[in-house]
Amino acid sequence: MLYVSNMLDNIVEEKEEYDVYVPEEKRFTYSIRIDEEGTYVIEGSFVDRLLLTVNIYDSESLKYFHKVLEKEELLMS
């Protein structure tokens, strides 16, 4: 037991260096335009990301979608 204890005391810890990826702060952007038919069109990473989380066939999910658009002042209730 003492032998093992001595061996553990003599172990030199090797520290490995790793490259760590630190992502830039995520900025979700969008743009608003009016198409030739007079329809407002919202495009951008914000809308793309939001639509990935929404099931348009589920009423609760659509409520969430509207809530987020209202919060971002893209939809008036």
Protein backbone atom coordinates (compact mmCIF):
# COMPACT_ATOMS: atom_id res chain seq x y z
CA MET A 1 0.00 0.00 0.00
CA LEU A 2 2.87 2.36 0.83
CA TYR A 3 4.47 1.48 -2.48
CA VAL A 4 1.36 2.54 -4.39
CA SER A 5 1.08 5.73 -2.35
CA ASN A 6 4.71 6.64 -3.19
CA MET A 7 4.13 5.94 -6.87
CA LEU A 8 1.05 8.16 -6.90
CA ASP A 9 2.99 10.96 -5.21
CA ASN A 10 5.66 10.77 -7.91
CA ILE A 11 3.28 10.96 -10.85
CA VAL A 12 3.74 14.14 -12.81
CA GLU A 13 0.49 15.45 -14.19
CA GLU A 14 0.69 16.30 -17.84
CA LYS A 15 -1.57 19.10 -18.85
CA GLU A 16 -2.71 19.05 -22.40
CA GLU A 17 -3.57 22.24 -24.22
CA TYR A 18 -6.72 22.30 -26.26
CA ASP A 19 -7.90 24.77 -28.82
CA VAL A 20 -11.23 26.02 -27.57
CA TYR A 21 -13.79 27.41 -29.96
CA VAL A 22 -15.62 30.34 -28.48
CA PRO A 23 -18.47 31.43 -30.75
CA GLU A 24 -19.12 35.08 -31.32
CA GLU A 25 -22.21 36.49 -29.73
CA LYS A 26 -25.20 35.38 -31.74
CA ARG A 27 -26.99 38.25 -33.36
CA PHE A 28 -30.29 37.42 -34.94
CA THR A 29 -31.13 39.89 -37.63
CA TYR A 30 -34.09 40.54 -39.85
CA SER A 31 -35.20 42.93 -42.52
CA ILE A 32 -38.67 44.10 -43.47
CA ARG A 33 -39.74 44.97 -46.98
CA ILE A 34 -42.95 45.37 -48.93
CA ASP A 35 -43.22 43.20 -52.05
CA GLU A 36 -44.86 44.17 -55.34
CA GLU A 37 -48.28 43.03 -54.09
CA GLY A 38 -48.08 45.25 -51.00
CA THR A 39 -47.40 42.38 -48.59
CA TYR A 40 -44.97 42.92 -45.75
CA VAL A 41 -42.12 40.39 -45.89
CA ILE A 42 -39.86 39.72 -42.90
CA GLU A 43 -36.63 37.90 -43.73
CA GLY A 44 -33.46 36.99 -41.87
CA SER A 45 -31.83 34.72 -39.34
CA PHE A 46 -34.25 35.74 -36.57
CA VAL A 47 -37.29 34.57 -38.53
CA ASP A 48 -35.55 31.45 -39.83
CA ARG A 49 -34.58 30.41 -36.31
CA LEU A 50 -38.04 31.20 -34.93
CA LEU A 51 -39.81 29.18 -37.62
CA LEU A 52 -37.65 26.14 -36.83
CA THR A 53 -39.19 26.10 -33.34
CA VAL A 54 -42.81 26.52 -34.42
CA ASN A 55 -45.32 23.94 -35.57
CA ILE A 56 -47.76 26.00 -37.63
CA TYR A 57 -50.42 23.31 -37.29
CA ASP A 58 -50.46 23.52 -33.48
CA SER A 59 -52.46 26.34 -31.87
CA GLU A 60 -50.19 26.65 -28.80
CA SER A 61 -47.15 26.83 -31.02
CA LEU A 62 -48.78 29.56 -33.12
CA LYS A 63 -49.57 31.51 -29.94
CA TYR A 64 -45.88 31.34 -29.07
CA PHE A 65 -44.98 32.53 -32.58
CA HIS A 66 -47.32 35.52 -32.28
CA LYS A 67 -46.06 36.29 -28.78
CA VAL A 68 -42.46 36.45 -29.98
CA LEU A 69 -43.38 38.62 -32.97
CA GLU A 70 -45.28 40.98 -30.68
CA LYS A 71 -42.34 41.13 -28.27
CA GLU A 72 -40.04 42.09 -31.14
CA GLU A 73 -42.66 44.65 -32.23
CA LEU A 74 -43.07 42.95 -35.60
CA LEU A 75 -46.74 42.23 -35.02
CA MET A 76 -49.36 44.49 -33.54
CA SER A 77 -52.11 42.84 -31.54
